[in-house]
Amino acid sequence: MQQPAIAIDFQELTQRLAVSELNPSAAEAHGILCAMICAGEPRAEESWMSELLDGTDDADLLAQECRESLWDLATLTRGQIQGQELGFAPLLPDESAALAERALALYDWSRGFLYGLGIAGVDVVGLSEQGREVLSDFASITRLDLDDLDDSEENEQALAELTEFVRVAAMLVYEERGRSGQAPG
């Protein structure tokens, strides 16, 4: 699957998503998409787009711009998840953003991933023990207290470790559930 030539700008996508009634951040929207792809949802991109842009006017210029950005993100994401290069990563603000902003985005991404698994109809009972543990860990991330997070080296390291965990955990769900549901590419 060919990846789009443009890079995905986190802040720009978050602004464009304001047309969505769900009003997700770019991280949350990406988490939803990743879960749907990792769960093997055969029409993940279309279902995701429908979920995010339900109720928007197709003729609205802002909705069109959002739709184009979302398709670019969907194409890039599917290519990363299904690729052999292990290039998949959650869409988060870059490292120049404040630690609290990046931690909130990881929280949003994790919440979106759980929501996306629900949309895809993933039943916890059908997952392996490791898969169930991953979902429990994602739920734990959504309960983190981010209010008093300071910019310390220890917190930077913890965020880097959580981000890597989320990346690997999503790929584990893909290996367990989604590989058999790959879209032709």
Protein backbone atom coordinates (compact mmCIF):
# COMPACT_ATOMS: atom_id res chain seq x y z
CA MET A 1 0.00 0.00 0.00
CA GLN A 2 1.54 3.31 -1.03
CA GLN A 3 1.96 5.81 1.78
CA PRO A 4 0.90 9.43 1.31
CA ALA A 5 3.63 11.87 0.38
CA ILE A 6 2.67 14.30 3.14
CA ALA A 7 3.44 14.02 6.83
CA ILE A 8 0.61 14.11 9.34
CA ASP A 9 0.71 17.26 11.49
CA PHE A 10 -0.73 16.45 14.92
CA GLN A 11 -1.93 19.96 15.78
CA GLU A 12 -3.40 20.59 12.34
CA LEU A 13 -5.31 17.31 12.40
CA THR A 14 -6.63 18.03 15.90
CA GLN A 15 -7.91 21.40 14.64
CA ARG A 16 -9.51 19.81 11.59
CA LEU A 17 -11.25 17.23 13.77
CA ALA A 18 -13.23 20.04 15.40
CA VAL A 19 -15.86 19.41 12.68
CA SER A 20 -16.52 16.00 14.25
CA GLU A 21 -19.36 15.74 16.73
CA LEU A 22 -17.07 13.46 18.77
CA ASN A 23 -14.41 16.24 18.80
CA PRO A 24 -11.52 13.81 19.33
CA SER A 25 -7.90 14.83 19.45
CA ALA A 26 -5.71 13.54 16.64
CA ALA A 27 -4.32 10.97 19.10
CA GLU A 28 -7.76 9.68 20.06
CA ALA A 29 -8.88 9.47 16.42
CA HIS A 30 -5.68 7.59 15.55
CA GLY A 31 -6.20 5.21 18.47
CA ILE A 32 -9.70 4.40 17.21
CA LEU A 33 -8.39 3.71 13.70
CA CYS A 34 -5.48 1.59 14.93
CA ALA A 35 -7.79 -0.55 17.04
CA MET A 36 -10.14 -1.13 14.13
CA ILE A 37 -7.26 -2.15 11.85
CA CYS A 38 -5.60 -4.26 14.56
CA ALA A 39 -8.93 -5.99 15.27
CA GLY A 40 -9.16 -7.06 11.64
CA GLU A 41 -12.16 -4.86 10.81
CA PRO A 42 -12.40 -5.43 7.02
CA ARG A 43 -13.57 -1.90 6.23
CA ALA A 44 -11.79 -0.18 9.10
CA GLU A 45 -11.05 3.07 7.28
CA GLU A 46 -14.62 3.55 6.02
CA SER A 47 -16.17 2.63 9.38
CA TRP A 48 -13.74 4.92 11.20
CA MET A 49 -14.43 7.81 8.85
CA SER A 50 -18.16 7.29 9.30
CA GLU A 51 -17.78 7.25 13.07
CA LEU A 52 -15.76 10.47 13.13
CA LEU A 53 -17.61 12.45 10.50
CA ASP A 54 -21.18 11.28 11.05
CA GLY A 55 -23.47 14.28 10.77
CA THR A 56 -21.04 16.53 8.89
CA ASP A 57 -22.07 18.12 5.63
CA ASP A 58 -20.11 16.60 2.71
CA ALA A 59 -20.18 19.98 0.97
CA ASP A 60 -18.61 21.77 3.96
CA LEU A 61 -15.04 22.80 3.07
CA LEU A 62 -13.75 22.17 6.60
CA ALA A 63 -15.28 18.67 6.61
CA GLN A 64 -13.68 17.98 3.21
CA GLU A 65 -10.27 19.08 4.49
CA CYS A 66 -10.71 16.90 7.55
CA ARG A 67 -11.75 13.93 5.41
CA GLU A 68 -8.66 14.33 3.21
CA SER A 69 -6.36 14.48 6.24
CA LEU A 70 -8.06 11.44 7.74
CA TRP A 71 -7.64 9.43 4.51
CA ASP A 72 -3.94 10.33 4.45
CA LEU A 73 -3.63 9.21 8.06
CA ALA A 74 -5.57 6.00 7.39
CA THR A 75 -3.41 5.10 4.40
CA LEU A 76 -0.21 5.82 6.30
CA THR A 77 -1.38 3.93 9.38
CA ARG A 78 -2.48 0.78 7.56
CA GLY A 79 0.85 0.73 5.72
CA GLN A 80 2.75 1.08 9.00
CA ILE A 81 0.75 -1.59 10.82
CA GLN A 82 0.93 -4.10 7.97
CA GLY A 83 4.48 -3.22 6.94
CA GLN A 84 7.54 -5.30 7.55
CA GLU A 85 9.61 -2.31 8.73
CA LEU A 86 8.00 -2.05 12.20
CA GLY A 87 7.36 1.62 11.47
CA PHE A 88 4.11 1.84 13.38
CA ALA A 89 3.85 4.35 16.21
CA PRO A 90 0.92 6.06 17.92
CA LEU A 91 0.24 9.54 16.55
CA LEU A 92 1.35 11.86 19.34
CA PRO A 93 2.71 15.41 19.52
CA ASP A 94 6.42 15.62 18.78
CA GLU A 95 9.00 15.71 21.55
CA SER A 96 9.14 19.52 21.55
CA ALA A 97 5.65 19.57 23.12
CA ALA A 98 5.35 19.73 26.89
CA LEU A 99 5.45 16.42 28.73
CA ALA A 100 1.91 16.94 30.04
CA GLU A 101 0.61 17.46 26.48
CA ARG A 102 2.31 14.29 25.24
CA ALA A 103 1.07 12.30 28.25
CA LEU A 104 -2.50 13.51 27.66
CA ALA A 105 -2.20 12.50 24.01
CA LEU A 106 -1.08 8.99 25.01
CA TYR A 107 -4.03 8.83 27.38
CA ASP A 108 -6.33 9.92 24.50
CA TRP A 109 -4.76 7.40 22.12
CA SER A 110 -5.26 4.56 24.61
CA ARG A 111 -8.86 5.60 25.24
CA GLY A 112 -9.44 5.76 21.48
CA PHE A 113 -7.90 2.32 21.03
CA LEU A 114 -10.30 0.80 23.56
CA TYR A 115 -13.24 2.61 21.92
CA GLY A 116 -12.15 1.37 18.49
CA LEU A 117 -11.99 -2.22 19.72
CA GLY A 118 -15.55 -1.80 20.92
CA ILE A 119 -16.66 -0.47 17.54
CA ALA A 120 -14.94 -3.44 15.89
CA GLY A 121 -16.87 -5.78 18.18
CA VAL A 122 -13.82 -7.33 19.85
CA ASP A 123 -14.96 -9.59 22.66
CA VAL A 124 -12.47 -9.86 25.51
CA VAL A 125 -13.43 -13.53 25.90
CA GLY A 126 -12.09 -14.22 22.40
CA LEU A 127 -8.64 -12.87 23.22
CA SER A 128 -5.67 -14.79 24.56
CA GLU A 129 -4.61 -14.24 28.15
CA GLN A 130 -1.91 -11.89 26.87
CA GLY A 131 -4.49 -10.01 24.76
CA ARG A 132 -6.79 -9.59 27.77
CA GLU A 133 -3.85 -8.32 29.81
CA VAL A 134 -3.06 -5.76 27.10
CA LEU A 135 -6.62 -4.42 27.23
CA SER A 136 -6.42 -4.23 31.01
CA ASP A 137 -3.17 -2.28 30.69
CA PHE A 138 -4.76 0.12 28.18
CA ALA A 139 -7.61 0.67 30.63
CA SER A 140 -5.06 1.40 33.37
CA ILE A 141 -3.44 4.04 31.17
CA THR A 142 -6.81 5.78 30.84
CA ARG A 143 -6.97 6.02 34.64
CA LEU A 144 -3.57 7.70 35.08
CA ASP A 145 -3.59 10.95 37.07
CA LEU A 146 -2.01 13.50 34.77
CA ASP A 147 -2.86 16.61 36.82
CA ASP A 148 0.43 17.01 38.67
CA LEU A 149 2.80 15.73 36.03
CA ASP A 150 6.07 17.64 36.13
CA ASP A 151 8.75 17.80 33.45
CA SER A 152 11.26 15.53 35.14
CA GLU A 153 13.68 13.10 33.53
CA GLU A 154 11.95 10.28 35.41
CA ASN A 155 8.56 11.21 33.92
CA GLU A 156 10.10 11.57 30.44
CA GLN A 157 11.49 8.05 30.75
CA ALA A 158 8.17 6.70 32.04
CA LEU A 159 6.30 8.30 29.13
CA ALA A 160 8.79 6.87 26.63
CA GLU A 161 8.34 3.41 28.14
CA LEU A 162 4.53 3.69 28.12
CA THR A 163 4.58 4.87 24.51
CA GLU A 164 6.72 1.90 23.50
CA PHE A 165 4.44 -0.43 25.45
CA VAL A 166 1.37 0.95 23.66
CA ARG A 167 3.05 0.51 20.27
CA VAL A 168 4.03 -3.09 20.99
CA ALA A 169 0.68 -3.91 22.61
CA ALA A 170 -1.25 -2.62 19.59
CA MET A 171 0.88 -4.79 17.33
CA LEU A 172 0.20 -7.76 19.59
CA VAL A 173 -3.54 -7.23 19.09
CA TYR A 174 -2.89 -7.00 15.35
CA GLU A 175 -0.93 -10.26 15.35
CA GLU A 176 -3.66 -11.97 17.33
CA ARG A 177 -6.72 -10.53 15.60
CA GLY A 178 -5.98 -8.41 12.57
CA ARG A 179 -3.44 -10.20 10.44
CA SER A 180 -6.10 -12.50 9.00
CA GLY A 181 -8.31 -9.52 8.17
CA GLN A 182 -5.77 -7.61 6.09
CA ALA A 183 -7.24 -5.47 3.36
CA PRO A 184 -5.77 -6.01 -0.09
CA GLY A 185 -2.96 -3.63 -0.66
